[in-house]
Amino acid sequence: MEKEDLYAVMDLDNECTQGDLKLSYKNLVLKWHPDRFHEEIKKEEAKMKFQSIQRAYSVLSDSNKRLLYDVGAYDSDDDETGMADFINEMVTLMAQTQSTGNESLEEFEELFEELLKDDVNDQFIKTRSSSYSPFSSTSTTSVHSDDLSNDIPNKMNTRDKTMVV
């Protein structure tokens, strides 16, 4: 399914200001509101156009969603799954972070691992508390949260079915 061009829906270009967006939204809503049409066919067309205008405005009027849309990373399905909220939070945090421009890939990797560390620890603790082991139907993998503090990528020793850090 081809995604609609939100700027085209709003009859604007991607350089438009928030003022341009609001004015276009107001004019399009007045023009395409379904209550303005009496014929059923025209009313259905207007309803579809009106909903499209609403979707476009909800993305383009939100600065974080608009930024994601402009770089091609916005997906309307993310709004339904909560992913858009997560991405918006990440964009906000990134905007608050001061970069010197000298960060290495390793430093970013360490930061990312640190951010995920708590989630990984929580997941392993949940797995450990259950009797399910993905490695064997008879044995349980023993993982201690202290073991995870050294390094996220762990290796499996297949001979004795224990985690090796």
N, C-alpha and C. Protein backbone atom coordinates (compact mmCIF):
# COMPACT_ATOMS: atom_id res chain seq x y z
N MET A 1 0.84 -1.20 0.00
CA MET A 1 0.00 0.00 0.00
C MET A 1 0.88 1.25 0.00
N GLU A 2 0.62 2.14 -0.94
CA GLU A 2 1.41 3.35 -1.06
C GLU A 2 0.94 4.38 -0.03
N LYS A 3 1.89 4.99 0.64
CA LYS A 3 1.56 5.98 1.66
C LYS A 3 1.26 7.32 0.99
N GLU A 4 0.27 8.01 1.55
CA GLU A 4 -0.09 9.30 0.97
C GLU A 4 0.92 10.37 1.38
N ASP A 5 1.10 11.33 0.51
CA ASP A 5 1.98 12.46 0.78
C ASP A 5 1.19 13.46 1.63
N LEU A 6 1.59 13.58 2.89
CA LEU A 6 0.84 14.43 3.82
C LEU A 6 0.88 15.90 3.43
N TYR A 7 1.99 16.33 2.85
CA TYR A 7 2.07 17.72 2.41
C TYR A 7 1.11 17.97 1.24
N ALA A 8 1.01 17.00 0.35
CA ALA A 8 0.09 17.14 -0.79
C ALA A 8 -1.36 17.16 -0.29
N VAL A 9 -1.66 16.35 0.71
CA VAL A 9 -3.02 16.35 1.29
C VAL A 9 -3.36 17.74 1.81
N MET A 10 -2.38 18.38 2.42
CA MET A 10 -2.60 19.71 2.99
C MET A 10 -2.39 20.82 1.96
N ASP A 11 -2.07 20.45 0.71
CA ASP A 11 -1.82 21.39 -0.37
C ASP A 11 -0.71 22.38 -0.02
N LEU A 12 0.38 21.81 0.56
CA LEU A 12 1.53 22.60 0.98
C LEU A 12 2.82 21.91 0.53
N ASP A 13 3.95 22.62 0.66
CA ASP A 13 5.23 21.97 0.43
C ASP A 13 5.91 21.72 1.78
N ASN A 14 7.00 20.98 1.76
CA ASN A 14 7.62 20.59 3.03
C ASN A 14 8.36 21.73 3.73
N GLU A 15 8.42 22.87 3.13
CA GLU A 15 9.04 24.05 3.75
C GLU A 15 8.02 24.94 4.46
N CYS A 16 6.79 24.50 4.54
CA CYS A 16 5.72 25.34 5.12
C CYS A 16 5.95 25.57 6.62
N THR A 17 5.44 26.69 7.09
CA THR A 17 5.54 27.03 8.51
C THR A 17 4.32 26.47 9.24
N GLN A 18 4.36 26.52 10.56
CA GLN A 18 3.20 26.10 11.35
C GLN A 18 1.99 26.99 11.05
N GLY A 19 2.24 28.27 10.79
CA GLY A 19 1.15 29.18 10.42
C GLY A 19 0.51 28.79 9.09
N ASP A 20 1.35 28.45 8.11
CA ASP A 20 0.84 27.99 6.82
C ASP A 20 0.00 26.72 7.00
N LEU A 21 0.50 25.83 7.84
CA LEU A 21 -0.19 24.57 8.08
C LEU A 21 -1.56 24.80 8.72
N LYS A 22 -1.61 25.66 9.72
CA LYS A 22 -2.89 25.95 10.39
C LYS A 22 -3.89 26.59 9.44
N LEU A 23 -3.43 27.51 8.62
CA LEU A 23 -4.31 28.19 7.68
C LEU A 23 -4.85 27.21 6.65
N SER A 24 -3.97 26.37 6.12
CA SER A 24 -4.41 25.38 5.14
C SER A 24 -5.39 24.40 5.77
N TYR A 25 -5.10 23.97 6.98
CA TYR A 25 -5.99 23.05 7.70
C TYR A 25 -7.38 23.66 7.86
N LYS A 26 -7.42 24.90 8.29
CA LYS A 26 -8.70 25.58 8.49
C LYS A 26 -9.50 25.65 7.18
N ASN A 27 -8.82 26.03 6.10
CA ASN A 27 -9.50 26.15 4.81
C ASN A 27 -9.97 24.80 4.28
N LEU A 28 -9.13 23.78 4.41
CA LEU A 28 -9.50 22.45 3.91
C LEU A 28 -10.63 21.82 4.72
N VAL A 29 -10.61 22.03 6.02
CA VAL A 29 -11.68 21.48 6.87
C VAL A 29 -13.01 22.14 6.52
N LEU A 30 -12.98 23.43 6.31
CA LEU A 30 -14.22 24.12 5.92
C LEU A 30 -14.71 23.64 4.56
N LYS A 31 -13.79 23.41 3.63
CA LYS A 31 -14.15 22.98 2.28
C LYS A 31 -14.66 21.54 2.25
N TRP A 32 -14.04 20.63 3.02
CA TRP A 32 -14.31 19.21 2.90
C TRP A 32 -15.10 18.60 4.06
N HIS A 33 -15.62 19.40 4.94
CA HIS A 33 -16.40 18.83 6.05
C HIS A 33 -17.62 18.10 5.47
N PRO A 34 -17.83 16.83 5.88
CA PRO A 34 -18.93 16.03 5.30
C PRO A 34 -20.32 16.65 5.47
N ASP A 35 -20.52 17.45 6.48
CA ASP A 35 -21.84 18.06 6.70
C ASP A 35 -22.19 19.11 5.63
N ARG A 36 -21.22 19.52 4.85
CA ARG A 36 -21.48 20.51 3.81
C ARG A 36 -22.06 19.87 2.55
N PHE A 37 -22.04 18.55 2.47
CA PHE A 37 -22.49 17.85 1.27
C PHE A 37 -23.80 17.11 1.54
N HIS A 38 -24.69 17.13 0.54
CA HIS A 38 -26.00 16.50 0.70
C HIS A 38 -26.12 15.18 -0.06
N GLU A 39 -25.47 15.07 -1.19
CA GLU A 39 -25.50 13.82 -1.95
C GLU A 39 -24.64 12.77 -1.25
N GLU A 40 -25.15 11.56 -1.17
CA GLU A 40 -24.46 10.50 -0.44
C GLU A 40 -23.07 10.20 -1.01
N ILE A 41 -22.95 10.19 -2.33
CA ILE A 41 -21.65 9.90 -2.97
C ILE A 41 -20.65 11.00 -2.63
N LYS A 42 -21.07 12.23 -2.77
CA LYS A 42 -20.19 13.35 -2.45
C LYS A 42 -19.85 13.38 -0.96
N LYS A 43 -20.82 13.01 -0.14
CA LYS A 43 -20.62 13.01 1.31
C LYS A 43 -19.56 11.97 1.70
N GLU A 44 -19.58 10.80 1.07
CA GLU A 44 -18.58 9.75 1.35
C GLU A 44 -17.19 10.20 0.90
N GLU A 45 -17.13 10.82 -0.27
CA GLU A 45 -15.85 11.32 -0.76
C GLU A 45 -15.30 12.39 0.20
N ALA A 46 -16.18 13.29 0.62
CA ALA A 46 -15.78 14.35 1.55
C ALA A 46 -15.33 13.76 2.89
N LYS A 47 -16.03 12.74 3.34
CA LYS A 47 -15.66 12.10 4.61
C LYS A 47 -14.25 11.51 4.52
N MET A 48 -13.95 10.83 3.44
CA MET A 48 -12.62 10.25 3.25
C MET A 48 -11.55 11.33 3.17
N LYS A 49 -11.85 12.39 2.42
CA LYS A 49 -10.91 13.51 2.28
C LYS A 49 -10.71 14.20 3.63
N PHE A 50 -11.79 14.38 4.38
CA PHE A 50 -11.73 15.03 5.69
C PHE A 50 -10.86 14.21 6.65
N GLN A 51 -11.02 12.89 6.66
CA GLN A 51 -10.21 12.03 7.53
C GLN A 51 -8.74 12.07 7.13
N SER A 52 -8.48 12.14 5.85
CA SER A 52 -7.11 12.25 5.36
C SER A 52 -6.47 13.56 5.82
N ILE A 53 -7.24 14.62 5.77
CA ILE A 53 -6.77 15.94 6.23
C ILE A 53 -6.46 15.89 7.72
N GLN A 54 -7.34 15.24 8.49
CA GLN A 54 -7.14 15.13 9.94
C GLN A 54 -5.84 14.36 10.24
N ARG A 55 -5.63 13.23 9.53
CA ARG A 55 -4.41 12.44 9.75
C ARG A 55 -3.16 13.25 9.41
N ALA A 56 -3.21 13.93 8.28
CA ALA A 56 -2.05 14.72 7.85
C ALA A 56 -1.74 15.83 8.85
N TYR A 57 -2.78 16.50 9.30
CA TYR A 57 -2.56 17.59 10.24
C TYR A 57 -2.03 17.08 11.58
N SER A 58 -2.52 15.92 12.03
CA SER A 58 -2.06 15.39 13.32
C SER A 58 -0.57 15.05 13.28
N VAL A 59 -0.05 14.67 12.14
CA VAL A 59 1.38 14.37 12.02
C VAL A 59 2.18 15.65 11.82
N LEU A 60 1.76 16.48 10.88
CA LEU A 60 2.55 17.66 10.53
C LEU A 60 2.51 18.75 11.60
N SER A 61 1.50 18.77 12.43
CA SER A 61 1.43 19.79 13.48
C SER A 61 2.24 19.41 14.71
N ASP A 62 2.63 18.15 14.83
CA ASP A 62 3.47 17.68 15.93
C ASP A 62 4.92 17.72 15.44
N SER A 63 5.74 18.56 16.05
CA SER A 63 7.11 18.76 15.53
C SER A 63 7.93 17.48 15.50
N ASN A 64 7.79 16.61 16.49
CA ASN A 64 8.55 15.35 16.49
C ASN A 64 8.08 14.41 15.39
N LYS A 65 6.76 14.27 15.26
CA LYS A 65 6.23 13.40 14.20
C LYS A 65 6.58 13.95 12.83
N ARG A 66 6.54 15.26 12.70
CA ARG A 66 6.87 15.88 11.42
C ARG A 66 8.32 15.63 11.06
N LEU A 67 9.21 15.75 12.03
CA LEU A 67 10.62 15.48 11.79
C LEU A 67 10.81 14.03 11.32
N LEU A 68 10.17 13.09 12.01
CA LEU A 68 10.26 11.68 11.62
C LEU A 68 9.68 11.46 10.23
N TYR A 69 8.56 12.11 9.94
CA TYR A 69 7.95 11.99 8.61
C TYR A 69 8.89 12.54 7.54
N ASP A 70 9.50 13.69 7.80
CA ASP A 70 10.37 14.33 6.82
C ASP A 70 11.60 13.48 6.50
N VAL A 71 12.10 12.72 7.48
CA VAL A 71 13.27 11.88 7.21
C VAL A 71 12.87 10.47 6.79
N GLY A 72 11.57 10.22 6.68
CA GLY A 72 11.10 8.93 6.19
C GLY A 72 10.99 7.85 7.26
N ALA A 73 11.05 8.25 8.54
CA ALA A 73 11.02 7.25 9.62
C ALA A 73 9.67 7.16 10.31
N TYR A 74 8.71 7.95 9.89
CA TYR A 74 7.40 7.92 10.54
C TYR A 74 6.51 6.87 9.91
N ASP A 75 5.84 6.11 10.76
CA ASP A 75 4.89 5.10 10.30
C ASP A 75 3.63 5.28 11.12
N SER A 76 2.50 5.49 10.48
CA SER A 76 1.26 5.73 11.21
C SER A 76 0.87 4.55 12.08
N ASP A 77 1.31 3.34 11.73
CA ASP A 77 1.03 2.18 12.57
C ASP A 77 1.73 2.30 13.92
N ASP A 78 2.83 3.07 13.97
CA ASP A 78 3.55 3.26 15.23
C ASP A 78 2.69 3.98 16.26
N ASP A 79 1.78 4.84 15.79
CA ASP A 79 0.89 5.54 16.72
C ASP A 79 -0.01 4.56 17.45
N GLU A 80 -0.46 3.54 16.74
CA GLU A 80 -1.36 2.56 17.33
C GLU A 80 -0.65 1.64 18.30
N THR A 81 0.62 1.34 18.05
CA THR A 81 1.37 0.41 18.90
C THR A 81 2.11 1.11 20.02
N GLY A 82 2.11 2.43 20.03
CA GLY A 82 2.84 3.17 21.05
C GLY A 82 4.28 3.45 20.66
N MET A 83 4.70 2.94 19.53
CA MET A 83 6.08 3.14 19.10
C MET A 83 6.35 4.62 18.82
N ALA A 84 5.37 5.33 18.34
CA ALA A 84 5.57 6.76 18.06
C ALA A 84 5.89 7.51 19.34
N ASP A 85 5.24 7.15 20.44
CA ASP A 85 5.55 7.80 21.71
C ASP A 85 6.99 7.53 22.12
N PHE A 86 7.43 6.28 21.93
CA PHE A 86 8.81 5.92 22.25
C PHE A 86 9.78 6.71 21.38
N ILE A 87 9.51 6.77 20.08
CA ILE A 87 10.39 7.50 19.16
C ILE A 87 10.40 8.98 19.50
N ASN A 88 9.24 9.54 19.82
CA ASN A 88 9.17 10.95 20.22
C ASN A 88 10.02 11.21 21.46
N GLU A 89 9.94 10.30 22.42
CA GLU A 89 10.74 10.44 23.65
C GLU A 89 12.23 10.38 23.32
N MET A 90 12.61 9.46 22.43
CA MET A 90 14.02 9.34 22.04
C MET A 90 14.49 10.61 21.33
N VAL A 91 13.66 11.16 20.44
CA VAL A 91 14.03 12.39 19.73
C VAL A 91 14.19 13.52 20.72
N THR A 92 13.30 13.62 21.70
CA THR A 92 13.39 14.66 22.72
C THR A 92 14.67 14.52 23.53
N LEU A 93 14.98 13.30 23.95
CA LEU A 93 16.21 13.07 24.71
C LEU A 93 17.45 13.39 23.88
N MET A 94 17.41 13.03 22.60
CA MET A 94 18.54 13.31 21.74
C MET A 94 18.73 14.82 21.56
N ALA A 95 17.63 15.55 21.49
CA ALA A 95 17.71 16.99 21.32
C ALA A 95 18.28 17.67 22.57
N GLN A 96 18.06 17.05 23.73
CA GLN A 96 18.56 17.61 24.99
C GLN A 96 20.03 17.28 25.23
N THR A 97 20.55 16.31 24.52
CA THR A 97 21.93 15.87 24.71
C THR A 97 22.86 16.76 23.90
N GLN A 98 23.88 17.23 24.56
CA GLN A 98 24.87 18.06 23.89
C GLN A 98 25.94 17.16 23.29
N SER A 99 26.18 17.29 22.03
CA SER A 99 27.20 16.50 21.34
C SER A 99 28.40 17.38 21.05
N THR A 100 29.59 16.83 21.29
CA THR A 100 30.81 17.55 20.95
C THR A 100 31.22 17.28 19.52
N GLY A 101 30.61 16.24 18.92
CA GLY A 101 30.96 15.86 17.56
C GLY A 101 32.15 14.93 17.51
N ASN A 102 32.75 14.65 18.66
CA ASN A 102 33.93 13.79 18.71
C ASN A 102 33.63 12.41 19.26
N GLU A 103 32.36 12.08 19.46
CA GLU A 103 32.02 10.79 20.01
C GLU A 103 32.33 9.69 19.02
N SER A 104 32.83 8.59 19.54
CA SER A 104 33.13 7.47 18.67
C SER A 104 31.95 6.51 18.66
N LEU A 105 31.97 5.60 17.71
CA LEU A 105 30.92 4.60 17.63
C LEU A 105 30.91 3.74 18.89
N GLU A 106 32.08 3.48 19.43
CA GLU A 106 32.17 2.67 20.66
C GLU A 106 31.49 3.37 21.83
N GLU A 107 31.64 4.69 21.92
CA GLU A 107 30.99 5.44 22.99
C GLU A 107 29.47 5.39 22.87
N PHE A 108 28.97 5.48 21.64
CA PHE A 108 27.53 5.38 21.42
C PHE A 108 27.05 3.97 21.76
N GLU A 109 27.83 2.98 21.41
CA GLU A 109 27.47 1.60 21.72
C GLU A 109 27.41 1.38 23.23
N GLU A 110 28.40 1.92 23.96
CA GLU A 110 28.40 1.80 25.42
C GLU A 110 27.18 2.48 26.02
N LEU A 111 26.84 3.66 25.52
CA LEU A 111 25.67 4.38 26.02
C LEU A 111 24.40 3.59 25.75
N PHE A 112 24.28 3.03 24.56
CA PHE A 112 23.11 2.24 24.20
C PHE A 112 23.01 1.00 25.10
N GLU A 113 24.13 0.32 25.31
CA GLU A 113 24.13 -0.86 26.18
C GLU A 113 23.73 -0.49 27.60
N GLU A 114 24.20 0.65 28.07
CA GLU A 114 23.84 1.11 29.42
C GLU A 114 22.34 1.37 29.52
N LEU A 115 21.78 1.97 28.48
CA LEU A 115 20.35 2.24 28.48
C LEU A 115 19.53 0.95 28.49
N LEU A 116 20.02 -0.06 27.78
CA LEU A 116 19.29 -1.32 27.69
C LEU A 116 19.57 -2.27 28.85
N LYS A 117 20.59 -2.01 29.61
CA LYS A 117 21.03 -2.93 30.66
C LYS A 117 19.91 -3.28 31.63
N ASP A 118 19.20 -2.29 32.12
CA ASP A 118 18.11 -2.55 33.06
C ASP A 118 17.03 -3.41 32.45
N ASP A 119 16.67 -3.14 31.19
CA ASP A 119 15.65 -3.94 30.51
C ASP A 119 16.12 -5.38 30.33
N VAL A 120 17.39 -5.56 29.98
CA VAL A 120 17.93 -6.90 29.80
C VAL A 120 17.95 -7.64 31.13
N ASN A 121 18.40 -6.97 32.18
CA ASN A 121 18.40 -7.59 33.51
C ASN A 121 17.00 -8.02 33.91
N ASP A 122 16.03 -7.15 33.71
CA ASP A 122 14.64 -7.49 34.05
C ASP A 122 14.16 -8.70 33.28
N GLN A 123 14.49 -8.76 31.99
CA GLN A 123 14.05 -9.88 31.15
C GLN A 123 14.68 -11.19 31.61
N PHE A 124 15.99 -11.18 31.93
CA PHE A 124 16.64 -12.40 32.39
C PHE A 124 16.14 -12.84 33.75
N ILE A 125 15.82 -11.88 34.59
CA ILE A 125 15.29 -12.24 35.91
C ILE A 125 13.93 -12.89 35.75
N LYS A 126 13.10 -12.37 34.84
CA LYS A 126 11.80 -12.99 34.59
C LYS A 126 11.97 -14.40 34.04
N THR A 127 12.92 -14.57 33.10
CA THR A 127 13.18 -15.88 32.52
C THR A 127 13.69 -16.84 33.59
N ARG A 128 14.56 -16.35 34.45
CA ARG A 128 15.15 -17.18 35.50
C ARG A 128 14.09 -17.63 36.50
N SER A 129 13.13 -16.76 36.78
CA SER A 129 12.12 -17.11 37.77
C SER A 129 11.12 -18.14 37.25
N SER A 130 11.05 -18.30 35.92
CA SER A 130 10.18 -19.32 35.37
C SER A 130 10.98 -20.60 35.18
N SER A 131 10.30 -21.71 35.04
CA SER A 131 11.00 -22.98 34.86
C SER A 131 11.34 -23.23 33.41
N TYR A 132 10.93 -22.35 32.52
CA TYR A 132 11.17 -22.54 31.09
C TYR A 132 12.62 -22.22 30.76
N SER A 133 13.24 -23.05 29.99
CA SER A 133 14.58 -22.81 29.49
C SER A 133 14.56 -22.98 27.97
N PRO A 134 14.98 -21.97 27.23
CA PRO A 134 14.96 -22.09 25.78
C PRO A 134 16.04 -23.02 25.24
N PHE A 135 16.99 -23.44 26.11
CA PHE A 135 18.11 -24.24 25.65
C PHE A 135 17.92 -25.73 25.87
N SER A 136 17.05 -26.11 26.76
CA SER A 136 16.87 -27.53 27.05
C SER A 136 15.48 -27.74 27.63
N SER A 137 14.92 -28.90 27.33
CA SER A 137 13.60 -29.17 27.88
C SER A 137 13.68 -29.72 29.29
N THR A 138 14.88 -30.07 29.77
CA THR A 138 14.99 -30.65 31.10
C THR A 138 15.77 -29.81 32.07
N SER A 139 16.63 -28.93 31.60
CA SER A 139 17.42 -28.16 32.55
C SER A 139 17.05 -26.69 32.48
N THR A 140 17.39 -25.97 33.53
CA THR A 140 17.12 -24.55 33.61
C THR A 140 18.43 -23.79 33.51
N THR A 141 18.46 -22.75 32.74
CA THR A 141 19.66 -21.95 32.60
C THR A 141 19.79 -21.06 33.81
N SER A 142 20.96 -21.00 34.37
CA SER A 142 21.20 -20.19 35.55
C SER A 142 21.87 -18.90 35.15
N VAL A 143 21.19 -17.80 35.38
CA VAL A 143 21.73 -16.49 35.06
C VAL A 143 21.49 -15.60 36.26
N HIS A 144 22.52 -14.93 36.69
CA HIS A 144 22.41 -13.99 37.80
C HIS A 144 22.51 -12.59 37.25
N SER A 145 21.74 -11.68 37.81
CA SER A 145 21.75 -10.32 37.29
C SER A 145 23.13 -9.70 37.40
N ASP A 146 23.95 -10.13 38.38
CA ASP A 146 25.32 -9.61 38.48
C ASP A 146 26.15 -10.01 37.27
N ASP A 147 25.85 -11.19 36.71
CA ASP A 147 26.59 -11.68 35.55
C ASP A 147 26.39 -10.76 34.34
N LEU A 148 25.28 -10.10 34.28
CA LEU A 148 24.96 -9.28 33.12
C LEU A 148 25.62 -7.92 33.16
N SER A 149 26.16 -7.54 34.28
CA SER A 149 26.74 -6.21 34.39
C SER A 149 28.04 -6.09 33.61
N ASN A 150 28.67 -7.22 33.27
CA ASN A 150 29.95 -7.16 32.56
C ASN A 150 29.77 -6.85 31.09
N ASP A 151 28.86 -7.57 30.44
CA ASP A 151 28.74 -7.43 28.99
C ASP A 151 27.39 -7.93 28.55
N ILE A 152 26.73 -7.23 27.65
CA ILE A 152 25.42 -7.66 27.18
C ILE A 152 25.50 -8.93 26.35
N PRO A 153 26.40 -9.02 25.36
CA PRO A 153 26.41 -10.25 24.57
C PRO A 153 27.00 -11.40 25.37
N ASN A 154 26.21 -12.37 25.70
CA ASN A 154 26.66 -13.55 26.43
C ASN A 154 26.75 -14.72 25.47
N LYS A 155 27.58 -15.68 25.81
CA LYS A 155 27.74 -16.86 24.97
C LYS A 155 27.22 -18.07 25.72
N MET A 156 26.70 -19.00 24.99
CA MET A 156 26.15 -20.21 25.58
C MET A 156 27.17 -21.32 25.49
N ASN A 157 27.50 -21.95 26.61
CA ASN A 157 28.35 -23.12 26.61
C ASN A 157 27.42 -24.30 26.43
N THR A 158 27.42 -24.87 25.24
CA THR A 158 26.43 -25.90 24.92
C THR A 158 26.72 -27.22 25.61
N ARG A 159 27.95 -27.45 26.05
CA ARG A 159 28.28 -28.72 26.67
C ARG A 159 27.58 -28.88 28.02
N ASP A 160 27.68 -27.84 28.88
CA ASP A 160 27.04 -27.99 30.19
C ASP A 160 25.82 -27.08 30.37
N LYS A 161 25.38 -26.46 29.29
CA LYS A 161 24.15 -25.67 29.26
C LYS A 161 24.13 -24.57 30.33
N THR A 162 25.21 -23.85 30.47
CA THR A 162 25.26 -22.69 31.37
C THR A 162 25.70 -21.48 30.58
N MET A 163 25.32 -20.34 31.07
CA MET A 163 25.70 -19.09 30.42
C MET A 163 27.13 -18.76 30.81
N VAL A 164 27.96 -18.40 29.83
CA VAL A 164 29.33 -18.00 30.08
C VAL A 164 29.45 -16.55 29.73
N VAL A 165 29.93 -15.75 30.68
CA VAL A 165 30.04 -14.32 30.46
C VAL A 165 31.47 -13.96 30.16
